[in-house]
Amino acid sequence: MPEFPIRKTSLLVEEIFHEGGPVAERPRRRAAAMAVVRNPFAGRYEEALQGAMEDLKPLGLMLTDRLIAALGDRSAIDGYGKGAIVGTAGEIEHGALWHVPGGYAMRERLGEARAIVPSAMKVGAFGSRLDVPVGHINAAYVRSHFDAMEVGVADGPRPDEILFVLVMTCGPRVHNRMGGLAVADIKAWDGLR
């Protein structure tokens, strides 16, 4: 059973009032919860990685709970995404370990979330940044919620670490006007439309 000791966590909360247009009636809120952990696979090739996803499930739930608490109203959360930056002694597959623990933690806590959780990962040097893609929690075709939140920590990931991140949002982009499927028109609960 691999261990992923946490070196540090970070929580970033944003309120977006406008993007150069009129001030929104209600600001868009975005939050990212991050954890920098030791990578037990750094510096070596390990064939069997999938079992380690189970070991990361508590971390996914912890970061999800922090996001919900930071945003304050679970029912207002309607967007999400996830990502990972693997330090240079690791490989991209170590970031892929986050798919199940990160995605399913948010789905479990949010309840009716049906859409795929958008994801980004990369191998990056100390201080790397990542644009975590965001989509609507119930329908992937809701254009008003297409977004990305840039995240990172100044002192990581170190070569033998991984930065795992979850992002949640409340509301559409403040000046969305690109049409497409509206939230009110979501009909088929297949995660697409």
N, C-alpha and C. Protein backbone atom coordinates (compact mmCIF):
# COMPACT_ATOMS: atom_id res chain seq x y z
N MET A 1 0.85 -1.19 0.00
CA MET A 1 0.00 0.00 0.00
C MET A 1 0.89 1.24 0.00
N PRO A 2 0.91 1.99 -1.12
CA PRO A 2 1.74 3.21 -1.16
C PRO A 2 1.16 4.30 -0.26
N GLU A 3 2.04 5.13 0.20
CA GLU A 3 1.61 6.26 1.03
C GLU A 3 1.91 7.56 0.30
N PHE A 4 1.03 8.52 0.49
CA PHE A 4 1.15 9.83 -0.13
C PHE A 4 1.12 10.90 0.97
N PRO A 5 2.18 10.98 1.79
CA PRO A 5 2.15 11.96 2.88
C PRO A 5 1.99 13.39 2.34
N ILE A 6 1.15 14.16 3.00
CA ILE A 6 0.88 15.54 2.59
C ILE A 6 1.96 16.46 3.17
N ARG A 7 2.59 17.23 2.29
CA ARG A 7 3.52 18.26 2.77
C ARG A 7 2.78 19.55 3.08
N LYS A 8 1.83 19.89 2.21
CA LYS A 8 1.07 21.11 2.46
C LYS A 8 -0.23 21.07 1.68
N THR A 9 -1.19 21.87 2.12
CA THR A 9 -2.43 22.07 1.38
C THR A 9 -2.61 23.56 1.16
N SER A 10 -3.44 23.88 0.20
CA SER A 10 -3.71 25.27 -0.11
C SER A 10 -5.15 25.38 -0.61
N LEU A 11 -5.78 26.49 -0.29
CA LEU A 11 -7.15 26.75 -0.74
C LEU A 11 -7.19 28.15 -1.34
N LEU A 12 -7.70 28.23 -2.56
CA LEU A 12 -7.80 29.51 -3.26
C LEU A 12 -9.26 29.74 -3.61
N VAL A 13 -9.79 30.89 -3.21
CA VAL A 13 -11.19 31.23 -3.51
C VAL A 13 -11.20 32.56 -4.25
N GLU A 14 -11.94 32.60 -5.36
CA GLU A 14 -12.07 33.82 -6.15
C GLU A 14 -13.54 34.21 -6.27
N GLU A 15 -13.78 35.51 -6.31
CA GLU A 15 -15.09 36.05 -6.67
C GLU A 15 -14.87 36.97 -7.86
N ILE A 16 -15.56 36.70 -8.95
CA ILE A 16 -15.37 37.47 -10.18
C ILE A 16 -16.60 38.36 -10.36
N PHE A 17 -16.40 39.67 -10.28
CA PHE A 17 -17.50 40.62 -10.36
C PHE A 17 -17.79 41.08 -11.78
N HIS A 18 -16.73 41.19 -12.59
CA HIS A 18 -16.90 41.53 -14.01
C HIS A 18 -15.63 41.19 -14.76
N GLU A 19 -15.74 41.15 -16.07
CA GLU A 19 -14.60 40.89 -16.95
C GLU A 19 -14.47 42.05 -17.94
N GLY A 20 -14.73 43.25 -17.46
CA GLY A 20 -14.66 44.44 -18.31
C GLY A 20 -16.03 44.95 -18.71
N GLY A 21 -17.06 44.15 -18.52
CA GLY A 21 -18.43 44.56 -18.82
C GLY A 21 -19.13 45.02 -17.55
N PRO A 22 -20.44 45.01 -17.56
CA PRO A 22 -21.17 45.45 -16.37
C PRO A 22 -20.93 44.50 -15.19
N VAL A 23 -21.02 45.05 -14.00
CA VAL A 23 -20.85 44.26 -12.78
C VAL A 23 -22.00 43.26 -12.68
N ALA A 24 -21.65 42.02 -12.43
CA ALA A 24 -22.65 40.95 -12.35
C ALA A 24 -23.53 41.13 -11.11
N GLU A 25 -24.79 40.77 -11.27
CA GLU A 25 -25.71 40.81 -10.14
C GLU A 25 -25.20 39.93 -9.01
N ARG A 26 -24.69 38.77 -9.38
CA ARG A 26 -24.13 37.82 -8.43
C ARG A 26 -22.74 37.43 -8.95
N PRO A 27 -21.69 37.63 -8.15
CA PRO A 27 -20.34 37.29 -8.64
C PRO A 27 -20.20 35.78 -8.86
N ARG A 28 -19.38 35.43 -9.83
CA ARG A 28 -19.05 34.03 -10.05
C ARG A 28 -17.99 33.65 -9.03
N ARG A 29 -18.19 32.53 -8.39
CA ARG A 29 -17.21 32.07 -7.41
C ARG A 29 -16.51 30.83 -7.95
N ARG A 30 -15.19 30.81 -7.78
CA ARG A 30 -14.36 29.66 -8.14
C ARG A 30 -13.47 29.36 -6.95
N ALA A 31 -13.23 28.08 -6.73
CA ALA A 31 -12.32 27.70 -5.64
C ALA A 31 -11.50 26.49 -6.07
N ALA A 32 -10.27 26.46 -5.60
CA ALA A 32 -9.38 25.34 -5.85
C ALA A 32 -8.81 24.87 -4.52
N ALA A 33 -8.87 23.57 -4.29
CA ALA A 33 -8.24 22.96 -3.12
C ALA A 33 -7.10 22.11 -3.63
N MET A 34 -5.92 22.30 -3.05
CA MET A 34 -4.71 21.63 -3.53
C MET A 34 -4.00 20.93 -2.40
N ALA A 35 -3.33 19.85 -2.74
CA ALA A 35 -2.48 19.14 -1.79
C ALA A 35 -1.18 18.75 -2.49
N VAL A 36 -0.07 19.06 -1.84
CA VAL A 36 1.24 18.65 -2.33
C VAL A 36 1.63 17.41 -1.52
N VAL A 37 1.80 16.30 -2.22
CA VAL A 37 2.09 15.03 -1.53
C VAL A 37 3.38 14.42 -2.06
N ARG A 38 3.98 13.55 -1.26
CA ARG A 38 5.15 12.81 -1.72
C ARG A 38 4.69 11.76 -2.73
N ASN A 39 5.45 11.61 -3.79
CA ASN A 39 5.15 10.63 -4.82
C ASN A 39 5.92 9.33 -4.50
N PRO A 40 5.23 8.27 -4.07
CA PRO A 40 5.93 7.04 -3.71
C PRO A 40 6.54 6.31 -4.91
N PHE A 41 6.20 6.76 -6.12
CA PHE A 41 6.71 6.11 -7.33
C PHE A 41 7.81 6.93 -8.01
N ALA A 42 8.18 8.05 -7.42
CA ALA A 42 9.19 8.92 -8.04
C ALA A 42 10.51 8.18 -8.21
N GLY A 43 11.14 8.40 -9.36
CA GLY A 43 12.47 7.87 -9.61
C GLY A 43 12.53 6.41 -10.03
N ARG A 44 11.36 5.80 -10.24
CA ARG A 44 11.38 4.38 -10.64
C ARG A 44 10.12 4.08 -11.45
N TYR A 45 10.19 3.01 -12.23
CA TYR A 45 9.04 2.57 -12.99
C TYR A 45 8.30 1.51 -12.19
N GLU A 46 6.99 1.70 -12.03
CA GLU A 46 6.14 0.74 -11.34
C GLU A 46 5.05 0.31 -12.30
N GLU A 47 4.98 -0.99 -12.59
CA GLU A 47 3.98 -1.50 -13.53
C GLU A 47 2.56 -1.38 -12.99
N ALA A 48 2.35 -1.76 -11.75
CA ALA A 48 1.00 -1.83 -11.18
C ALA A 48 0.71 -0.57 -10.37
N LEU A 49 0.03 0.39 -10.99
CA LEU A 49 -0.28 1.65 -10.32
C LEU A 49 -1.73 1.75 -9.86
N GLN A 50 -2.66 1.07 -10.52
CA GLN A 50 -4.08 1.31 -10.28
C GLN A 50 -4.51 1.16 -8.83
N GLY A 51 -3.91 0.26 -8.10
CA GLY A 51 -4.29 0.07 -6.69
C GLY A 51 -4.08 1.31 -5.85
N ALA A 52 -3.16 2.17 -6.26
CA ALA A 52 -2.87 3.38 -5.49
C ALA A 52 -4.03 4.38 -5.54
N MET A 53 -4.92 4.24 -6.53
CA MET A 53 -6.08 5.15 -6.58
C MET A 53 -6.92 5.01 -5.31
N GLU A 54 -7.05 3.80 -4.82
CA GLU A 54 -7.81 3.57 -3.59
C GLU A 54 -7.20 4.32 -2.42
N ASP A 55 -5.87 4.35 -2.37
CA ASP A 55 -5.16 5.02 -1.28
C ASP A 55 -5.36 6.54 -1.30
N LEU A 56 -5.70 7.08 -2.47
CA LEU A 56 -5.89 8.53 -2.60
C LEU A 56 -7.34 8.97 -2.36
N LYS A 57 -8.27 8.04 -2.20
CA LYS A 57 -9.68 8.42 -2.01
C LYS A 57 -9.91 9.32 -0.80
N PRO A 58 -9.28 9.07 0.35
CA PRO A 58 -9.48 9.99 1.49
C PRO A 58 -9.03 11.41 1.18
N LEU A 59 -7.95 11.55 0.40
CA LEU A 59 -7.48 12.88 0.02
C LEU A 59 -8.51 13.57 -0.87
N GLY A 60 -9.09 12.84 -1.81
CA GLY A 60 -10.14 13.41 -2.66
C GLY A 60 -11.32 13.90 -1.85
N LEU A 61 -11.75 13.12 -0.89
CA LEU A 61 -12.89 13.52 -0.04
C LEU A 61 -12.53 14.73 0.83
N MET A 62 -11.32 14.75 1.37
CA MET A 62 -10.90 15.88 2.20
C MET A 62 -10.89 17.18 1.40
N LEU A 63 -10.30 17.15 0.20
CA LEU A 63 -10.24 18.37 -0.62
C LEU A 63 -11.64 18.79 -1.06
N THR A 64 -12.49 17.82 -1.38
CA THR A 64 -13.87 18.13 -1.76
C THR A 64 -14.60 18.81 -0.62
N ASP A 65 -14.47 18.27 0.58
CA ASP A 65 -15.14 18.87 1.74
C ASP A 65 -14.65 20.30 1.98
N ARG A 66 -13.37 20.54 1.78
CA ARG A 66 -12.84 21.90 1.95
C ARG A 66 -13.42 22.86 0.91
N LEU A 67 -13.57 22.37 -0.32
CA LEU A 67 -14.16 23.22 -1.36
C LEU A 67 -15.61 23.57 -1.04
N ILE A 68 -16.37 22.59 -0.64
CA ILE A 68 -17.79 22.83 -0.32
C ILE A 68 -17.89 23.82 0.84
N ALA A 69 -17.06 23.65 1.86
CA ALA A 69 -17.08 24.58 2.99
C ALA A 69 -16.68 25.99 2.56
N ALA A 70 -15.69 26.09 1.67
CA ALA A 70 -15.22 27.42 1.22
C ALA A 70 -16.27 28.12 0.38
N LEU A 71 -17.01 27.37 -0.44
CA LEU A 71 -18.03 27.97 -1.29
C LEU A 71 -19.35 28.18 -0.54
N GLY A 72 -19.52 27.48 0.56
CA GLY A 72 -20.60 27.78 1.50
C GLY A 72 -21.97 27.21 1.21
N ASP A 73 -22.27 26.86 -0.01
CA ASP A 73 -23.61 26.39 -0.34
C ASP A 73 -23.49 25.29 -1.38
N ARG A 74 -23.60 24.06 -0.94
CA ARG A 74 -23.44 22.91 -1.84
C ARG A 74 -24.38 22.99 -3.03
N SER A 75 -25.59 23.46 -2.81
CA SER A 75 -26.58 23.50 -3.89
C SER A 75 -26.24 24.53 -4.96
N ALA A 76 -25.36 25.49 -4.65
CA ALA A 76 -24.96 26.50 -5.64
C ALA A 76 -23.82 26.03 -6.52
N ILE A 77 -23.14 24.97 -6.15
CA ILE A 77 -22.00 24.48 -6.91
C ILE A 77 -22.51 23.79 -8.16
N ASP A 78 -22.09 24.30 -9.32
CA ASP A 78 -22.57 23.72 -10.58
C ASP A 78 -21.47 23.53 -11.62
N GLY A 79 -20.23 23.64 -11.20
CA GLY A 79 -19.11 23.39 -12.10
C GLY A 79 -17.98 22.71 -11.35
N TYR A 80 -17.19 21.89 -12.09
CA TYR A 80 -16.05 21.25 -11.45
C TYR A 80 -14.98 20.84 -12.45
N GLY A 81 -13.80 20.54 -11.90
CA GLY A 81 -12.67 20.06 -12.69
C GLY A 81 -11.60 19.53 -11.76
N LYS A 82 -10.60 18.87 -12.32
CA LYS A 82 -9.53 18.32 -11.50
C LYS A 82 -8.22 18.33 -12.28
N GLY A 83 -7.11 18.21 -11.55
CA GLY A 83 -5.83 18.19 -12.23
C GLY A 83 -4.70 17.75 -11.33
N ALA A 84 -3.53 17.58 -11.94
CA ALA A 84 -2.34 17.16 -11.20
C ALA A 84 -1.10 17.65 -11.92
N ILE A 85 -0.12 18.06 -11.13
CA ILE A 85 1.21 18.35 -11.64
C ILE A 85 2.16 17.38 -10.95
N VAL A 86 2.82 16.55 -11.74
CA VAL A 86 3.76 15.56 -11.22
C VAL A 86 5.16 16.16 -11.28
N GLY A 87 5.90 16.06 -10.19
CA GLY A 87 7.28 16.53 -10.17
C GLY A 87 8.14 15.76 -11.16
N THR A 88 9.30 16.31 -11.49
CA THR A 88 10.12 15.81 -12.59
C THR A 88 10.71 14.42 -12.38
N ALA A 89 10.68 13.88 -11.19
CA ALA A 89 11.16 12.51 -10.97
C ALA A 89 10.03 11.50 -11.17
N GLY A 90 8.85 11.98 -11.53
CA GLY A 90 7.71 11.11 -11.75
C GLY A 90 7.33 11.09 -13.22
N GLU A 91 6.18 10.49 -13.52
CA GLU A 91 5.69 10.40 -14.89
C GLU A 91 4.21 10.78 -14.91
N ILE A 92 3.71 11.07 -16.10
CA ILE A 92 2.33 11.53 -16.25
C ILE A 92 1.33 10.54 -15.68
N GLU A 93 1.61 9.23 -15.74
CA GLU A 93 0.70 8.23 -15.19
C GLU A 93 0.49 8.41 -13.69
N HIS A 94 1.44 9.00 -13.00
CA HIS A 94 1.28 9.26 -11.58
C HIS A 94 0.21 10.33 -11.35
N GLY A 95 0.08 11.26 -12.27
CA GLY A 95 -1.00 12.24 -12.20
C GLY A 95 -2.34 11.61 -12.52
N ALA A 96 -2.33 10.61 -13.41
CA ALA A 96 -3.57 9.92 -13.78
C ALA A 96 -4.16 9.15 -12.61
N LEU A 97 -3.39 8.90 -11.58
CA LEU A 97 -3.93 8.27 -10.36
C LEU A 97 -5.08 9.07 -9.76
N TRP A 98 -5.19 10.35 -10.10
CA TRP A 98 -6.17 11.26 -9.52
C TRP A 98 -7.56 11.11 -10.16
N HIS A 99 -7.66 10.44 -11.30
CA HIS A 99 -8.95 10.37 -12.01
C HIS A 99 -10.07 9.84 -11.12
N VAL A 100 -9.90 8.71 -10.52
CA VAL A 100 -10.96 8.13 -9.69
C VAL A 100 -11.10 8.86 -8.36
N PRO A 101 -10.04 9.01 -7.56
CA PRO A 101 -10.23 9.62 -6.24
C PRO A 101 -10.70 11.08 -6.29
N GLY A 102 -10.23 11.84 -7.28
CA GLY A 102 -10.66 13.24 -7.38
C GLY A 102 -12.05 13.38 -7.94
N GLY A 103 -12.31 12.72 -9.04
CA GLY A 103 -13.61 12.84 -9.70
C GLY A 103 -14.75 12.25 -8.89
N TYR A 104 -14.56 11.06 -8.38
CA TYR A 104 -15.65 10.42 -7.67
C TYR A 104 -15.90 11.04 -6.30
N ALA A 105 -14.89 11.64 -5.68
CA ALA A 105 -15.11 12.34 -4.42
C ALA A 105 -16.08 13.51 -4.63
N MET A 106 -15.86 14.28 -5.69
CA MET A 106 -16.75 15.41 -5.95
C MET A 106 -18.15 14.91 -6.29
N ARG A 107 -18.25 13.89 -7.10
CA ARG A 107 -19.57 13.34 -7.45
C ARG A 107 -20.30 12.83 -6.21
N GLU A 108 -19.57 12.15 -5.33
CA GLU A 108 -20.20 11.60 -4.11
C GLU A 108 -20.75 12.71 -3.24
N ARG A 109 -19.99 13.75 -3.05
CA ARG A 109 -20.42 14.83 -2.15
C ARG A 109 -21.48 15.73 -2.79
N LEU A 110 -21.45 15.89 -4.12
CA LEU A 110 -22.41 16.77 -4.78
C LEU A 110 -23.71 16.06 -5.12
N GLY A 111 -23.73 14.76 -5.08
CA GLY A 111 -24.97 14.03 -5.30
C GLY A 111 -25.29 13.78 -6.75
N GLU A 112 -26.04 14.64 -7.36
CA GLU A 112 -26.58 14.39 -8.71
C GLU A 112 -25.63 14.74 -9.85
N ALA A 113 -24.36 14.92 -9.60
CA ALA A 113 -23.42 15.28 -10.66
C ALA A 113 -23.30 14.14 -11.66
N ARG A 114 -23.57 14.42 -12.94
CA ARG A 114 -23.59 13.39 -13.98
C ARG A 114 -22.49 13.53 -15.03
N ALA A 115 -22.04 14.74 -15.29
CA ALA A 115 -21.08 14.96 -16.38
C ALA A 115 -19.68 14.51 -15.99
N ILE A 116 -18.91 14.17 -17.01
CA ILE A 116 -17.51 13.83 -16.80
C ILE A 116 -16.82 15.01 -16.13
N VAL A 117 -15.87 14.73 -15.26
CA VAL A 117 -15.11 15.79 -14.60
C VAL A 117 -13.93 16.13 -15.51
N PRO A 118 -13.91 17.34 -16.08
CA PRO A 118 -12.78 17.71 -16.94
C PRO A 118 -11.46 17.60 -16.17
N SER A 119 -10.39 17.28 -16.89
CA SER A 119 -9.14 17.00 -16.21
C SER A 119 -7.95 17.47 -17.03
N ALA A 120 -6.90 17.87 -16.34
CA ALA A 120 -5.62 18.19 -16.97
C ALA A 120 -4.51 17.72 -16.06
N MET A 121 -3.44 17.24 -16.65
CA MET A 121 -2.29 16.82 -15.86
C MET A 121 -1.03 16.99 -16.70
N LYS A 122 0.08 17.11 -15.99
CA LYS A 122 1.35 17.24 -16.69
C LYS A 122 2.48 16.94 -15.71
N VAL A 123 3.65 16.71 -16.27
CA VAL A 123 4.88 16.67 -15.49
C VAL A 123 5.43 18.08 -15.54
N GLY A 124 5.79 18.62 -14.39
CA GLY A 124 6.24 20.00 -14.35
C GLY A 124 7.31 20.23 -13.31
N ALA A 125 8.10 21.24 -13.55
CA ALA A 125 9.18 21.61 -12.63
C ALA A 125 8.63 22.44 -11.47
N PHE A 126 9.47 22.67 -10.52
CA PHE A 126 9.20 23.49 -9.34
C PHE A 126 8.51 24.79 -9.74
N GLY A 127 7.38 25.09 -9.13
CA GLY A 127 6.65 26.33 -9.41
C GLY A 127 5.76 26.29 -10.64
N SER A 128 5.61 25.13 -11.26
CA SER A 128 4.76 25.01 -12.45
C SER A 128 3.32 25.40 -12.14
N ARG A 129 2.63 25.84 -13.17
CA ARG A 129 1.22 26.20 -13.07
C ARG A 129 0.42 25.28 -13.97
N LEU A 130 -0.86 25.13 -13.68
CA LEU A 130 -1.74 24.27 -14.46
C LEU A 130 -3.08 24.96 -14.65
N ASP A 131 -3.59 24.93 -15.86
CA ASP A 131 -4.94 25.40 -16.13
C ASP A 131 -5.88 24.22 -15.98
N VAL A 132 -6.67 24.22 -14.92
CA VAL A 132 -7.62 23.13 -14.66
C VAL A 132 -8.92 23.46 -15.39
N PRO A 133 -9.33 22.62 -16.34
CA PRO A 133 -10.57 22.89 -17.07
C PRO A 133 -11.78 22.67 -16.18
N VAL A 134 -12.83 23.43 -16.44
CA VAL A 134 -14.06 23.36 -15.66
C VAL A 134 -15.24 23.18 -16.61
N GLY A 135 -16.18 22.36 -16.21
CA GLY A 135 -17.42 22.17 -16.95
C GLY A 135 -18.58 22.04 -16.00
N HIS A 136 -19.80 22.12 -16.53
CA HIS A 136 -21.01 21.97 -15.72
C HIS A 136 -21.09 20.56 -15.14
N ILE A 137 -21.62 20.44 -13.93
CA ILE A 137 -21.63 19.14 -13.25
C ILE A 137 -22.63 18.14 -13.83
N ASN A 138 -23.62 18.60 -14.58
CA ASN A 138 -24.64 17.68 -15.09
C ASN A 138 -24.71 17.55 -16.60
N ALA A 139 -24.11 18.46 -17.33
CA ALA A 139 -24.21 18.39 -18.79
C ALA A 139 -22.97 19.02 -19.41
N ALA A 140 -22.21 18.23 -20.13
CA ALA A 140 -20.95 18.68 -20.70
C ALA A 140 -21.12 19.77 -21.76
N TYR A 141 -22.32 19.89 -22.36
CA TYR A 141 -22.53 20.85 -23.44
C TYR A 141 -22.99 22.22 -22.98
N VAL A 142 -22.98 22.50 -21.70
CA VAL A 142 -23.39 23.81 -21.20
C VAL A 142 -22.21 24.77 -21.35
N ARG A 143 -22.24 25.56 -22.44
CA ARG A 143 -21.11 26.44 -22.77
C ARG A 143 -20.85 27.52 -21.73
N SER A 144 -21.88 27.98 -21.05
CA SER A 144 -21.72 29.07 -20.09
C SER A 144 -20.78 28.71 -18.94
N HIS A 145 -20.51 27.42 -18.76
CA HIS A 145 -19.67 26.99 -17.66
C HIS A 145 -18.28 26.53 -18.10
N PHE A 146 -18.00 26.58 -19.42
CA PHE A 146 -16.65 26.24 -19.89
C PHE A 146 -15.69 27.28 -19.33
N ASP A 147 -14.65 26.84 -18.67
CA ASP A 147 -13.74 27.76 -18.01
C ASP A 147 -12.47 26.99 -17.66
N ALA A 148 -11.52 27.68 -17.10
CA ALA A 148 -10.31 27.07 -16.55
C ALA A 148 -9.83 27.95 -15.41
N MET A 149 -9.26 27.32 -14.42
CA MET A 149 -8.69 28.06 -13.28
C MET A 149 -7.22 27.70 -13.18
N GLU A 150 -6.37 28.72 -13.22
CA GLU A 150 -4.94 28.50 -13.12
C GLU A 150 -4.56 28.29 -11.66
N VAL A 151 -3.79 27.21 -11.41
CA VAL A 151 -3.39 26.88 -10.05
C VAL A 151 -1.92 26.51 -10.01
N GLY A 152 -1.41 26.48 -8.82
CA GLY A 152 -0.04 26.06 -8.57
C GLY A 152 0.38 26.52 -7.19
N VAL A 153 1.54 26.05 -6.77
CA VAL A 153 2.11 26.51 -5.50
C VAL A 153 3.54 26.97 -5.78
N ALA A 154 3.97 27.98 -5.07
CA ALA A 154 5.28 28.57 -5.34
C ALA A 154 6.43 27.61 -5.06
N ASP A 155 6.25 26.72 -4.10
CA ASP A 155 7.36 25.86 -3.68
C ASP A 155 7.14 24.38 -4.02
N GLY A 156 6.54 24.13 -5.16
CA GLY A 156 6.32 22.73 -5.53
C GLY A 156 5.74 22.64 -6.93
N PRO A 157 5.57 21.45 -7.45
CA PRO A 157 5.99 20.23 -6.77
C PRO A 157 7.50 20.04 -6.88
N ARG A 158 8.08 19.53 -5.80
CA ARG A 158 9.47 19.13 -5.84
C ARG A 158 9.57 17.89 -6.73
N PRO A 159 10.75 17.50 -7.18
CA PRO A 159 10.86 16.37 -8.10
C PRO A 159 10.15 15.10 -7.63
N ASP A 160 10.12 14.87 -6.32
CA ASP A 160 9.52 13.64 -5.79
C ASP A 160 8.12 13.88 -5.22
N GLU A 161 7.41 14.88 -5.74
CA GLU A 161 6.07 15.22 -5.24
C GLU A 161 5.06 15.26 -6.37
N ILE A 162 3.80 15.30 -5.97
CA ILE A 162 2.68 15.53 -6.89
C ILE A 162 1.79 16.59 -6.26
N LEU A 163 1.34 17.52 -7.08
CA LEU A 163 0.32 18.48 -6.66
C LEU A 163 -1.00 17.99 -7.22
N PHE A 164 -1.93 17.61 -6.34
CA PHE A 164 -3.27 17.22 -6.74
C PHE A 164 -4.21 18.39 -6.48
N VAL A 165 -5.14 18.64 -7.40
CA VAL A 165 -6.05 19.79 -7.25
C VAL A 165 -7.46 19.41 -7.67
N LEU A 166 -8.43 19.99 -6.97
CA LEU A 166 -9.84 19.94 -7.34
C LEU A 166 -10.35 21.37 -7.43
N VAL A 167 -11.23 21.62 -8.39
CA VAL A 167 -11.82 22.95 -8.58
C VAL A 167 -13.33 22.81 -8.62
N MET A 168 -14.02 23.75 -7.97
CA MET A 168 -15.47 23.85 -8.05
C MET A 168 -15.85 25.30 -8.30
N THR A 169 -16.98 25.47 -8.99
CA THR A 169 -17.45 26.81 -9.29
C THR A 169 -18.93 26.95 -8.99
N CYS A 170 -19.35 28.18 -8.82
CA CYS A 170 -20.76 28.52 -8.62
C CYS A 170 -21.16 29.54 -9.69
N GLY A 171 -22.05 29.12 -10.57
CA GLY A 171 -22.57 30.02 -11.58
C GLY A 171 -21.78 30.01 -12.87
N PRO A 172 -22.37 30.60 -13.91
CA PRO A 172 -21.72 30.68 -15.22
C PRO A 172 -20.66 31.78 -15.24
N ARG A 173 -19.89 31.85 -16.33
CA ARG A 173 -18.99 32.99 -16.52
C ARG A 173 -19.83 34.26 -16.42
N VAL A 174 -19.28 35.32 -15.86
CA VAL A 174 -20.09 36.50 -15.57
C VAL A 174 -20.66 37.18 -16.81
N HIS A 175 -20.01 37.10 -17.94
CA HIS A 175 -20.52 37.73 -19.16
C HIS A 175 -20.75 36.71 -20.26
N ASN A 176 -21.16 35.50 -19.91
CA ASN A 176 -21.35 34.46 -20.92
C ASN A 176 -22.44 34.88 -21.90
N ARG A 177 -22.14 34.72 -23.17
CA ARG A 177 -23.10 35.05 -24.22
C ARG A 177 -22.78 34.30 -25.51
N MET A 178 -22.33 33.06 -25.34
CA MET A 178 -21.96 32.22 -26.49
C MET A 178 -23.04 31.21 -26.86
N GLY A 179 -24.20 31.31 -26.25
CA GLY A 179 -25.30 30.43 -26.61
C GLY A 179 -25.08 29.00 -26.18
N GLY A 180 -25.65 28.09 -26.94
CA GLY A 180 -25.54 26.68 -26.60
C GLY A 180 -26.59 26.26 -25.60
N LEU A 181 -26.41 25.09 -25.04
CA LEU A 181 -27.35 24.53 -24.09
C LEU A 181 -27.38 25.36 -22.81
N ALA A 182 -28.58 25.82 -22.43
CA ALA A 182 -28.75 26.56 -21.18
C ALA A 182 -28.99 25.58 -20.05
N VAL A 183 -28.60 25.97 -18.85
CA VAL A 183 -28.80 25.12 -17.68
C VAL A 183 -30.27 24.72 -17.56
N ALA A 184 -31.17 25.65 -17.80
CA ALA A 184 -32.61 25.37 -17.68
C ALA A 184 -33.09 24.35 -18.71
N ASP A 185 -32.31 24.12 -19.76
CA ASP A 185 -32.73 23.20 -20.83
C ASP A 185 -32.08 21.82 -20.75
N ILE A 186 -31.36 21.54 -19.67
CA ILE A 186 -30.78 20.20 -19.51
C ILE A 186 -31.93 19.22 -19.38
N LYS A 187 -31.96 18.21 -20.27
CA LYS A 187 -33.07 17.25 -20.28
C LYS A 187 -32.62 15.83 -20.03
N ALA A 188 -31.67 15.36 -20.76
CA ALA A 188 -31.25 13.96 -20.64
C ALA A 188 -30.15 13.86 -19.59
N TRP A 189 -30.36 13.06 -18.61
CA TRP A 189 -29.38 12.94 -17.54
C TRP A 189 -28.31 11.92 -17.89
N ASP A 190 -27.68 12.13 -19.05
CA ASP A 190 -26.62 11.24 -19.48
C ASP A 190 -25.24 11.88 -19.33
N GLY A 191 -25.22 13.08 -18.74
CA GLY A 191 -23.97 13.79 -18.57
C GLY A 191 -23.55 14.60 -19.78
N LEU A 192 -24.31 14.56 -20.86
CA LEU A 192 -23.96 15.31 -22.06
C LEU A 192 -24.87 16.50 -22.27
N ARG A 193 -26.19 16.25 -22.35
CA ARG A 193 -27.14 17.32 -22.63
C ARG A 193 -28.20 17.35 -21.55
